[in-house]
Structure formats: C-alpha cells, structure tokens
C-alpha atoms as a PDB file:
ATOM      1  CA  MET A   1      19.607  29.995  22.533  1.00  0.00           C
ATOM      2  CA  HIS A   2      23.120  31.363  22.612  1.00  0.00           C
ATOM      3  CA  SER A   3      24.042  34.030  25.083  1.00  0.00           C
ATOM      4  CA  LEU A   4      27.147  35.479  23.455  1.00  0.00           C
ATOM      5  CA  ILE A   5      28.447  35.742  19.931  1.00  0.00           C
ATOM      6  CA  THR A   6      31.892  37.060  19.130  1.00  0.00           C
ATOM      7  CA  THR A   7      33.264  37.148  15.642  1.00  0.00           C
ATOM      8  CA  GLY A   8      35.973  38.306  13.327  1.00  0.00           C
ATOM      9  CA  VAL A   9      39.448  39.412  14.196  1.00  0.00           C
ATOM     10  CA  GLY A  10      40.292  40.192  17.802  1.00  0.00           C
ATOM     11  CA  GLN A  11      38.103  38.638  20.443  1.00  0.00           C
ATOM     12  CA  PRO A  12      36.869  40.128  23.677  1.00  0.00           C
ATOM     13  CA  ASN A  13      38.502  38.495  26.647  1.00  0.00           C
ATOM     14  CA  GLY A  14      36.408  37.743  29.715  1.00  0.00           C
ATOM     15  CA  LYS A  15      37.849  36.922  33.115  1.00  0.00           C
ATOM     16  CA  ASP A  16      36.657  33.321  32.710  1.00  0.00           C
ATOM     17  CA  ASN A  17      38.700  32.855  29.541  1.00  0.00           C
ATOM     18  CA  PRO A  18      42.211  34.319  29.885  1.00  0.00           C
ATOM     19  CA  GLN A  19      44.347  34.153  26.736  1.00  0.00           C
ATOM     20  CA  THR A  20      48.069  33.593  26.417  1.00  0.00           C
ATOM     21  CA  ASP A  21      50.110  35.994  24.293  1.00  0.00           C
ATOM     22  CA  ASP A  22      50.165  33.367  21.514  1.00  0.00           C
ATOM     23  CA  GLU A  23      46.374  33.054  21.630  1.00  0.00           C
ATOM     24  CA  LYS A  24      45.994  36.850  21.517  1.00  0.00           C
ATOM     25  CA  ALA A  25      48.231  37.001  18.444  1.00  0.00           C
ATOM     26  CA  LEU A  26      46.238  34.249  16.751  1.00  0.00           C
ATOM     27  CA  SER A  27      42.869  35.799  17.546  1.00  0.00           C
ATOM     28  CA  THR A  28      43.875  39.068  15.885  1.00  0.00           C
ATOM     29  CA  THR A  29      45.051  37.500  12.620  1.00  0.00           C
ATOM     30  CA  ASN A  30      42.898  34.407  12.013  1.00  0.00           C
ATOM     31  CA  PHE A  31      39.158  34.297  11.431  1.00  0.00           C
ATOM     32  CA  THR A  32      37.419  33.291  14.670  1.00  0.00           C
ATOM     33  CA  THR A  33      33.801  33.034  15.737  1.00  0.00           C
ATOM     34  CA  THR A  34      32.436  31.850  19.072  1.00  0.00           C
ATOM     35  CA  PHE A  35      29.083  31.019  20.614  1.00  0.00           C
ATOM     36  CA  PHE A  36      27.633  29.496  23.779  1.00  0.00           C
ATOM     37  CA  VAL A  37      24.844  26.898  23.971  1.00  0.00           C
ATOM     38  CA  ASN A  38      23.037  25.015  26.721  1.00  0.00           C
ATOM     39  CA  GLN A  39      23.949  21.619  25.225  1.00  0.00           C
ATOM     40  CA  THR A  40      26.735  19.483  26.706  1.00  0.00           C
ATOM     41  CA  PRO A  41      30.297  19.382  25.343  1.00  0.00           C
ATOM     42  CA  GLU A  42      29.505  15.830  24.157  1.00  0.00           C
ATOM     43  CA  GLU A  43      26.526  17.055  22.117  1.00  0.00           C
ATOM     44  CA  VAL A  44      28.558  19.922  20.614  1.00  0.00           C
ATOM     45  CA  PHE A  45      31.448  17.584  19.750  1.00  0.00           C
ATOM     46  CA  LYS A  46      29.070  15.137  18.059  1.00  0.00           C
ATOM     47  CA  ALA A  47      27.499  17.927  15.966  1.00  0.00           C
ATOM     48  CA  VAL A  48      30.873  19.380  14.923  1.00  0.00           C
ATOM     49  CA  ASN A  49      31.879  15.967  13.585  1.00  0.00           C
ATOM     50  CA  ASP A  50      28.559  15.509  11.758  1.00  0.00           C
ATOM     51  CA  ILE A  51      29.969  17.657   8.970  1.00  0.00           C
ATOM     52  CA  ARG A  52      27.342  16.600   6.438  1.00  0.00           C
ATOM     53  CA  GLY A  53      24.718  17.891   8.868  1.00  0.00           C
ATOM     54  CA  TRP A  54      25.913  21.510   8.774  1.00  0.00           C
ATOM     55  CA  TRP A  55      28.475  22.144   5.967  1.00  0.00           C
ATOM     56  CA  GLN A  56      26.734  22.465   2.619  1.00  0.00           C
ATOM     57  CA  GLY A  57      28.274  20.884  -0.434  1.00  0.00           C
ATOM     58  CA  GLU A  58      29.602  17.454  -1.361  1.00  0.00           C
ATOM     59  CA  ILE A  59      31.635  15.725   1.333  1.00  0.00           C
ATOM     60  CA  GLU A  60      33.472  12.462   0.737  1.00  0.00           C
ATOM     61  CA  GLY A  61      35.436  10.419   3.271  1.00  0.00           C
ATOM     62  CA  ASP A  62      35.493   9.849   7.023  1.00  0.00           C
ATOM     63  CA  THR A  63      34.943  13.018   9.019  1.00  0.00           C
ATOM     64  CA  ASP A  64      35.084  11.785  12.604  1.00  0.00           C
ATOM     65  CA  LYS A  65      38.357   9.935  13.259  1.00  0.00           C
ATOM     66  CA  LEU A  66      41.952  11.043  13.857  1.00  0.00           C
ATOM     67  CA  ASP A  67      44.204  10.867  10.775  1.00  0.00           C
ATOM     68  CA  LYS A  68      41.255  10.367   8.389  1.00  0.00           C
ATOM     69  CA  GLU A  69      40.876  12.570   5.322  1.00  0.00           C
ATOM     70  CA  PHE A  70      37.821  13.975   3.619  1.00  0.00           C
ATOM     71  CA  THR A  71      37.116  16.283   0.717  1.00  0.00           C
ATOM     72  CA  TYR A  72      34.670  19.145   0.430  1.00  0.00           C
ATOM     73  CA  ARG A  73      33.341  20.493  -2.861  1.00  0.00           C
ATOM     74  CA  MET A  74      30.875  23.302  -3.565  1.00  0.00           C
ATOM     75  CA  ALA A  75      30.101  23.177  -7.276  1.00  0.00           C
ATOM     76  CA  ASP A  76      33.069  24.478  -9.289  1.00  0.00           C
ATOM     77  CA  ALA A  77      33.838  27.270  -6.800  1.00  0.00           C
ATOM     78  CA  HIS A  78      35.501  25.455  -3.900  1.00  0.00           C
ATOM     79  CA  PHE A  79      37.413  22.236  -3.380  1.00  0.00           C
ATOM     80  CA  SER A  80      39.411  21.371  -0.291  1.00  0.00           C
ATOM     81  CA  LYS A  81      40.911  18.254   1.232  1.00  0.00           C
ATOM     82  CA  GLN A  82      41.190  18.053   5.009  1.00  0.00           C
ATOM     83  CA  LYS A  83      43.097  15.678   7.281  1.00  0.00           C
ATOM     84  CA  ILE A  84      41.941  15.371  10.889  1.00  0.00           C
ATOM     85  CA  VAL A  85      45.131  16.120  12.848  1.00  0.00           C
ATOM     86  CA  GLU A  86      43.682  16.591  16.354  1.00  0.00           C
ATOM     87  CA  PHE A  87      40.690  14.748  17.750  1.00  0.00           C
ATOM     88  CA  ILE A  88      40.164  15.115  21.503  1.00  0.00           C
ATOM     89  CA  PRO A  89      36.663  13.892  22.397  1.00  0.00           C
ATOM     90  CA  ASN A  90      34.387  16.640  23.715  1.00  0.00           C
ATOM     91  CA  GLU A  91      37.235  19.214  23.620  1.00  0.00           C
ATOM     92  CA  LYS A  92      38.857  19.826  20.250  1.00  0.00           C
ATOM     93  CA  VAL A  93      38.956  18.911  16.573  1.00  0.00           C
ATOM     94  CA  VAL A  94      41.501  20.303  14.097  1.00  0.00           C
ATOM     95  CA  TRP A  95      41.608  19.755  10.351  1.00  0.00           C
ATOM     96  CA  LEU A  96      44.711  20.464   8.264  1.00  0.00           C
ATOM     97  CA  VAL A  97      43.825  21.614   4.743  1.00  0.00           C
ATOM     98  CA  THR A  98      46.194  19.545   2.593  1.00  0.00           C
ATOM     99  CA  ASP A  99      44.869  20.696  -0.796  1.00  0.00           C
ATOM    100  CA  SER A 100      42.544  23.439  -2.000  1.00  0.00           C
ATOM    101  CA  ASN A 101      41.225  24.985  -5.173  1.00  0.00           C
ATOM    102  CA  LEU A 102      39.223  28.180  -4.828  1.00  0.00           C
ATOM    103  CA  SER A 103      38.179  29.152  -8.352  1.00  0.00           C
ATOM    104  CA  PHE A 104      37.253  32.699  -7.315  1.00  0.00           C
ATOM    105  CA  THR A 105      40.764  33.741  -6.180  1.00  0.00           C
ATOM    106  CA  THR A 106      43.964  34.632  -8.027  1.00  0.00           C
ATOM    107  CA  ASN A 107      45.780  32.047  -5.880  1.00  0.00           C
ATOM    108  CA  PRO A 108      43.390  29.073  -5.861  1.00  0.00           C
ATOM    109  CA  ASN A 109      45.476  27.320  -3.185  1.00  0.00           C
ATOM    110  CA  GLU A 110      45.061  29.971  -0.472  1.00  0.00           C
ATOM    111  CA  TRP A 111      43.607  27.465   1.995  1.00  0.00           C
ATOM    112  CA  THR A 112      46.343  24.836   1.519  1.00  0.00           C
ATOM    113  CA  GLY A 113      48.346  24.536   4.732  1.00  0.00           C
ATOM    114  CA  THR A 114      45.756  26.312   6.898  1.00  0.00           C
ATOM    115  CA  LYS A 115      44.036  24.640   9.851  1.00  0.00           C
ATOM    116  CA  ILE A 116      40.381  24.633  10.832  1.00  0.00           C
ATOM    117  CA  SER A 117      39.912  24.350  14.594  1.00  0.00           C
ATOM    118  CA  PHE A 118      36.889  23.677  16.803  1.00  0.00           C
ATOM    119  CA  GLU A 119      37.528  24.161  20.536  1.00  0.00           C
ATOM    120  CA  ILE A 120      34.855  23.156  23.047  1.00  0.00           C
ATOM    121  CA  ALA A 121      34.844  24.243  26.689  1.00  0.00           C
ATOM    122  CA  GLU A 122      32.371  24.335  29.531  1.00  0.00           C
ATOM    123  CA  ILE A 123      32.165  27.844  31.003  1.00  0.00           C
ATOM    124  CA  ASN A 124      29.635  28.979  33.622  1.00  0.00           C
ATOM    125  CA  ASN A 125      27.327  25.980  33.002  1.00  0.00           C
ATOM    126  CA  LYS A 126      27.239  26.623  29.243  1.00  0.00           C
ATOM    127  CA  THR A 127      29.224  25.076  26.430  1.00  0.00           C
ATOM    128  CA  GLN A 128      31.401  27.366  24.361  1.00  0.00           C
ATOM    129  CA  LEU A 129      32.335  26.517  20.784  1.00  0.00           C
ATOM    130  CA  ARG A 130      35.239  28.528  19.403  1.00  0.00           C
ATOM    131  CA  PHE A 131      35.837  28.104  15.687  1.00  0.00           C
ATOM    132  CA  THR A 132      39.111  29.369  14.221  1.00  0.00           C
ATOM    133  CA  HIS A 133      40.363  29.058  10.669  1.00  0.00           C
ATOM    134  CA  VAL A 134      44.081  29.347  11.441  1.00  0.00           C
ATOM    135  CA  GLY A 135      45.729  30.955   8.442  1.00  0.00           C
ATOM    136  CA  LEU A 136      42.571  32.551   7.028  1.00  0.00           C
ATOM    137  CA  VAL A 137      43.876  36.087   7.446  1.00  0.00           C
ATOM    138  CA  PRO A 138      42.758  39.501   6.144  1.00  0.00           C
ATOM    139  CA  GLU A 139      45.660  39.487   3.649  1.00  0.00           C
ATOM    140  CA  PHE A 140      44.014  36.569   1.787  1.00  0.00           C
ATOM    141  CA  GLU A 141      41.966  37.475  -1.266  1.00  0.00           C
ATOM    142  CA  CYS A 142      39.205  35.122  -0.100  1.00  0.00           C
ATOM    143  CA  TYR A 143      39.114  36.490   3.472  1.00  0.00           C
ATOM    144  CA  GLY A 144      35.942  38.565   3.011  1.00  0.00           C
ATOM    145  CA  GLY A 145      33.910  35.898   1.250  1.00  0.00           C
ATOM    146  CA  CYS A 146      35.342  32.951   3.164  1.00  0.00           C
ATOM    147  CA  SER A 147      34.973  34.536   6.598  1.00  0.00           C
ATOM    148  CA  SER A 148      31.389  35.535   5.756  1.00  0.00           C
ATOM    149  CA  ALA A 149      30.629  31.967   4.632  1.00  0.00           C
ATOM    150  CA  TRP A 150      32.195  30.496   7.794  1.00  0.00           C
ATOM    151  CA  GLU A 151      30.226  32.974   9.909  1.00  0.00           C
ATOM    152  CA  GLN A 152      26.961  31.758   8.384  1.00  0.00           C
ATOM    153  CA  LEU A 153      27.903  28.083   8.520  1.00  0.00           C
ATOM    154  CA  ILE A 154      29.040  28.173  12.144  1.00  0.00           C
ATOM    155  CA  GLN A 155      26.637  30.718  13.666  1.00  0.00           C
ATOM    156  CA  GLU A 156      23.574  29.529  11.744  1.00  0.00           C
ATOM    157  CA  SER A 157      23.889  25.978  10.412  1.00  0.00           C
ATOM    158  CA  LEU A 158      26.170  24.371  13.027  1.00  0.00           C
ATOM    159  CA  HIS A 159      24.469  26.289  15.845  1.00  0.00           C
ATOM    160  CA  SER A 160      21.101  25.017  14.595  1.00  0.00           C
ATOM    161  CA  LEU A 161      22.379  21.435  14.332  1.00  0.00           C
ATOM    162  CA  ILE A 162      23.582  21.641  17.945  1.00  0.00           C
ATOM    163  CA  THR A 163      20.424  23.236  19.344  1.00  0.00           C
ATOM    164  CA  THR A 164      17.681  21.670  17.187  1.00  0.00           C
ATOM    165  CA  GLY A 165      19.264  18.541  15.683  1.00  0.00           C
ATOM    166  CA  LYS A 166      19.072  19.952  12.156  1.00  0.00           C
ATOM    167  CA  GLY A 167      21.476  22.219  10.265  1.00  0.00           C
ATOM    168  CA  THR A 168      20.167  25.041   8.104  1.00  0.00           C
ATOM    169  CA  LYS A 169      20.773  25.873   4.479  1.00  0.00           C
ATOM    170  CA  VAL A 170      22.719  29.112   4.355  1.00  0.00           C
ATOM    171  CA  PHE A 171      23.760  29.247   0.676  1.00  0.00           C
ATOM    172  CA  GLY A 172      21.589  29.468  -2.425  1.00  0.00           C
END
C-alpha cells in the first residue's frame, strides 16, 4: 500500500526531499507523479524495466539496457520510439523519445525530443518512485489525455506490478 501520492504540475516538498531551483522549475512545467511503496529500490527498478508488465500496447526491442531502443504502439493512436539514455541500477532510468506519432494531435510529433524519467529513492524506510515526463507540458495538445494516461499507468498498473507482481489493464 502506498502512503503518499502526488501528481500533476507542482509537487509538494517535504523536508526529507529538498528540491533545487532547477527541480522546482521542472516540477511545475512537466507532468510528474510520485508514490511510495514498501518494496526495495531493487524491486521497484526491476518492475520499471519490465515495461511489458505495466505499459499496455505493443512493445518491441530491449527495454532494460543503456543505449538500447524500443518502440511502443497503441493501435493507430500512438507510436513512439525510446532510447534508454540513463540507466543507474536501483536509482534512475531515463528514456529519450526519438520519434513519435500521436494520431489524435495536430502536431503528431509532440513527444519527439521529450524524456521519460523514473527516479527511485529510499526515504524513511519506504521506496519512492518519481515519474516525470520531461517536456510533456500543459501547452501540449496531448497534455490532458497523455497525463491522464500516464497517471493511470504509473499509479495503477506499475504500482500494482511493484506491489503484487502483476500490472493491471487500465485502457479499454
């Protein structure tokens, strides 16, 4: 069971988690969602990298090694290609979106050049997962739908994979 959920733009800042000015600026412009679990950082890291276990859709390629690339497709609505640009065991994973095609937006390439970040930290004997889609900002046409989808995927499916060993279906 998670003890704290924070979401959206602008995150509360506890004394145990001071933010730099750069982090404050990022947290007010990029979509972020955070939760705490009782599992270890190693277990959280393993689940994050088991992308097929929590992200619904078709995934092709290696999803758990630095510099590897994978694609994600959800029917004809969403295609994106990610390159793993940071991979620090039990601490952080960052994907760079190198290509995207969102059929439901005027600019189908809105995600191209954005980064998807998973930061893992042990705080007060719990493990915190902070998800940030760096570049997914309120000015984007897809912000509402994409942030809502991320919220469900992270807070429901990934959280379930971490705590029960099985992701949940959140779409359709």
